[in-house]
Amino acid sequence: MDEHVSEQQAWITHSESLWRAAHDLARRHPEHDPSDLYHALRSLELTPSERLRAGLQRGRLRTYAR
């Protein structure tokens, strides 16, 4: 159980650092939303094939909007 808790704490700590970075970027570039910047930073942690797969899945979910 302790290992699971430390993995969660590590994820939370990393996520908070990404949110801080996203807000710092948004202060320098107010035309961008911190949430979008956070998700962009998160996506940089994925491999190209993981990013492609996620993008294609989102595209399928939005086909009705075209």
N, C-alpha and C. Protein backbone atom coordinates (compact mmCIF):
# COMPACT_ATOMS: atom_id res chain seq x y z
N MET A 1 0.82 -1.19 0.00
CA MET A 1 0.00 0.00 0.00
C MET A 1 0.87 1.26 0.00
N ASP A 2 1.96 1.27 0.74
CA ASP A 2 2.81 2.45 0.80
C ASP A 2 3.39 2.79 -0.57
N GLU A 3 3.72 1.76 -1.35
CA GLU A 3 4.25 2.00 -2.71
C GLU A 3 3.21 2.71 -3.56
N HIS A 4 1.95 2.29 -3.45
CA HIS A 4 0.87 2.91 -4.21
C HIS A 4 0.70 4.38 -3.81
N VAL A 5 0.78 4.64 -2.52
CA VAL A 5 0.63 6.01 -2.01
C VAL A 5 1.79 6.86 -2.52
N SER A 6 3.03 6.34 -2.48
CA SER A 6 4.15 7.14 -2.96
C SER A 6 4.08 7.38 -4.46
N GLU A 7 3.56 6.43 -5.23
CA GLU A 7 3.37 6.66 -6.67
C GLU A 7 2.35 7.77 -6.90
N GLN A 8 1.28 7.74 -6.14
CA GLN A 8 0.26 8.79 -6.27
C GLN A 8 0.84 10.15 -5.89
N GLN A 9 1.61 10.19 -4.80
CA GLN A 9 2.20 11.45 -4.36
C GLN A 9 3.17 11.98 -5.41
N ALA A 10 3.94 11.10 -6.03
CA ALA A 10 4.88 11.51 -7.08
C ALA A 10 4.11 12.08 -8.27
N TRP A 11 3.00 11.42 -8.64
CA TRP A 11 2.19 11.92 -9.76
C TRP A 11 1.63 13.30 -9.43
N ILE A 12 1.11 13.46 -8.21
CA ILE A 12 0.53 14.74 -7.79
C ILE A 12 1.59 15.84 -7.79
N THR A 13 2.76 15.54 -7.26
CA THR A 13 3.85 16.52 -7.22
C THR A 13 4.25 16.94 -8.63
N HIS A 14 4.36 15.97 -9.52
CA HIS A 14 4.72 16.27 -10.91
C HIS A 14 3.62 17.09 -11.59
N SER A 15 2.37 16.70 -11.36
CA SER A 15 1.25 17.42 -11.95
C SER A 15 1.22 18.87 -11.48
N GLU A 16 1.45 19.08 -10.19
CA GLU A 16 1.48 20.45 -9.66
C GLU A 16 2.59 21.27 -10.30
N SER A 17 3.74 20.65 -10.53
CA SER A 17 4.84 21.39 -11.17
C SER A 17 4.48 21.75 -12.61
N LEU A 18 3.77 20.86 -13.31
CA LEU A 18 3.33 21.18 -14.67
C LEU A 18 2.30 22.31 -14.66
N TRP A 19 1.39 22.29 -13.67
CA TRP A 19 0.41 23.37 -13.57
C TRP A 19 1.10 24.71 -13.32
N ARG A 20 2.12 24.71 -12.45
CA ARG A 20 2.86 25.95 -12.20
C ARG A 20 3.52 26.44 -13.49
N ALA A 21 4.13 25.51 -14.22
CA ALA A 21 4.77 25.89 -15.49
C ALA A 21 3.73 26.42 -16.48
N ALA A 22 2.57 25.79 -16.53
CA ALA A 22 1.50 26.24 -17.43
C ALA A 22 1.04 27.65 -17.07
N HIS A 23 0.88 27.92 -15.79
CA HIS A 23 0.45 29.26 -15.36
C HIS A 23 1.54 30.29 -15.62
N ASP A 24 2.80 29.91 -15.45
CA ASP A 24 3.91 30.83 -15.77
C ASP A 24 3.90 31.18 -17.25
N LEU A 25 3.72 30.17 -18.09
CA LEU A 25 3.65 30.41 -19.54
C LEU A 25 2.46 31.30 -19.89
N ALA A 26 1.32 31.04 -19.25
CA ALA A 26 0.11 31.82 -19.55
C ALA A 26 0.28 33.28 -19.12
N ARG A 27 1.03 33.52 -18.06
CA ARG A 27 1.28 34.92 -17.66
C ARG A 27 2.11 35.63 -18.72
N ARG A 28 3.05 34.90 -19.33
CA ARG A 28 3.88 35.50 -20.38
C ARG A 28 3.16 35.55 -21.72
N HIS A 29 2.18 34.68 -21.89
CA HIS A 29 1.43 34.60 -23.16
C HIS A 29 -0.07 34.55 -22.82
N PRO A 30 -0.65 35.69 -22.46
CA PRO A 30 -2.04 35.70 -21.99
C PRO A 30 -3.08 35.23 -23.01
N GLU A 31 -2.68 35.13 -24.26
CA GLU A 31 -3.63 34.64 -25.27
C GLU A 31 -3.86 33.13 -25.15
N HIS A 32 -3.07 32.47 -24.31
CA HIS A 32 -3.19 31.02 -24.14
C HIS A 32 -3.80 30.68 -22.78
N ASP A 33 -4.61 29.65 -22.76
CA ASP A 33 -5.26 29.19 -21.55
C ASP A 33 -4.32 28.25 -20.78
N PRO A 34 -4.17 28.43 -19.46
CA PRO A 34 -3.29 27.55 -18.69
C PRO A 34 -3.65 26.06 -18.82
N SER A 35 -4.93 25.78 -18.92
CA SER A 35 -5.36 24.38 -19.05
C SER A 35 -4.85 23.77 -20.36
N ASP A 36 -4.94 24.52 -21.45
CA ASP A 36 -4.42 24.03 -22.73
C ASP A 36 -2.92 23.82 -22.65
N LEU A 37 -2.22 24.74 -21.99
CA LEU A 37 -0.77 24.62 -21.86
C LEU A 37 -0.41 23.41 -21.00
N TYR A 38 -1.16 23.17 -19.94
CA TYR A 38 -0.93 22.00 -19.09
C TYR A 38 -1.07 20.72 -19.92
N HIS A 39 -2.14 20.63 -20.69
CA HIS A 39 -2.35 19.42 -21.49
C HIS A 39 -1.27 19.27 -22.56
N ALA A 40 -0.79 20.37 -23.10
CA ALA A 40 0.31 20.30 -24.06
C ALA A 40 1.58 19.78 -23.38
N LEU A 41 1.85 20.27 -22.18
CA LEU A 41 3.03 19.79 -21.44
C LEU A 41 2.89 18.31 -21.11
N ARG A 42 1.70 17.89 -20.73
CA ARG A 42 1.45 16.47 -20.45
C ARG A 42 1.68 15.63 -21.71
N SER A 43 1.21 16.12 -22.83
CA SER A 43 1.32 15.34 -24.07
C SER A 43 2.78 15.19 -24.50
N LEU A 44 3.63 16.13 -24.11
CA LEU A 44 5.05 16.01 -24.45
C LEU A 44 5.71 14.84 -23.75
N GLU A 45 5.07 14.32 -22.72
CA GLU A 45 5.60 13.15 -22.00
C GLU A 45 5.25 11.84 -22.69
N LEU A 46 4.34 11.90 -23.65
CA LEU A 46 3.93 10.70 -24.39
C LEU A 46 4.84 10.47 -25.58
N THR A 47 4.90 9.23 -26.02
CA THR A 47 5.63 8.93 -27.24
C THR A 47 4.82 9.45 -28.42
N PRO A 48 5.46 9.65 -29.56
CA PRO A 48 4.70 10.09 -30.74
C PRO A 48 3.52 9.17 -31.07
N SER A 49 3.71 7.86 -30.95
CA SER A 49 2.60 6.96 -31.29
C SER A 49 1.47 7.08 -30.26
N GLU A 50 1.79 7.32 -28.99
CA GLU A 50 0.74 7.52 -27.99
C GLU A 50 -0.03 8.81 -28.28
N ARG A 51 0.69 9.87 -28.67
CA ARG A 51 0.02 11.13 -29.01
C ARG A 51 -0.88 10.95 -30.22
N LEU A 52 -0.39 10.24 -31.22
CA LEU A 52 -1.19 10.00 -32.42
C LEU A 52 -2.45 9.22 -32.09
N ARG A 53 -2.29 8.16 -31.31
CA ARG A 53 -3.44 7.33 -30.93
C ARG A 53 -4.48 8.17 -30.18
N ALA A 54 -4.03 8.99 -29.23
CA ALA A 54 -4.95 9.83 -28.46
C ALA A 54 -5.64 10.84 -29.37
N GLY A 55 -4.90 11.43 -30.29
CA GLY A 55 -5.49 12.40 -31.21
C GLY A 55 -6.52 11.77 -32.12
N LEU A 56 -6.23 10.58 -32.60
CA LEU A 56 -7.19 9.89 -33.46
C LEU A 56 -8.44 9.51 -32.70
N GLN A 57 -8.28 9.10 -31.44
CA GLN A 57 -9.46 8.76 -30.64
C GLN A 57 -10.31 10.00 -30.38
N ARG A 58 -9.68 11.13 -30.09
CA ARG A 58 -10.45 12.36 -29.89
C ARG A 58 -11.13 12.78 -31.19
N GLY A 59 -10.45 12.59 -32.31
CA GLY A 59 -11.05 12.94 -33.60
C GLY A 59 -12.29 12.13 -33.89
N ARG A 60 -12.27 10.86 -33.54
CA ARG A 60 -13.45 10.02 -33.75
C ARG A 60 -14.60 10.46 -32.88
N LEU A 61 -14.30 10.94 -31.69
CA LEU A 61 -15.37 11.37 -30.79
C LEU A 61 -16.02 12.66 -31.30
N ARG A 62 -15.29 13.44 -32.09
CA ARG A 62 -15.79 14.75 -32.52
C ARG A 62 -16.26 14.76 -33.97
N THR A 63 -16.39 13.63 -34.61
CA THR A 63 -16.75 13.63 -36.03
C THR A 63 -18.11 14.26 -36.28
N TYR A 64 -18.98 14.23 -35.27
CA TYR A 64 -20.32 14.82 -35.43
C TYR A 64 -20.25 16.33 -35.60
N ALA A 65 -19.18 16.97 -35.14
CA ALA A 65 -19.11 18.44 -35.13
C ALA A 65 -18.70 19.00 -36.51
N ARG A 66 -18.33 18.16 -37.42
CA ARG A 66 -17.86 18.65 -38.72
C ARG A 66 -18.98 19.05 -39.62
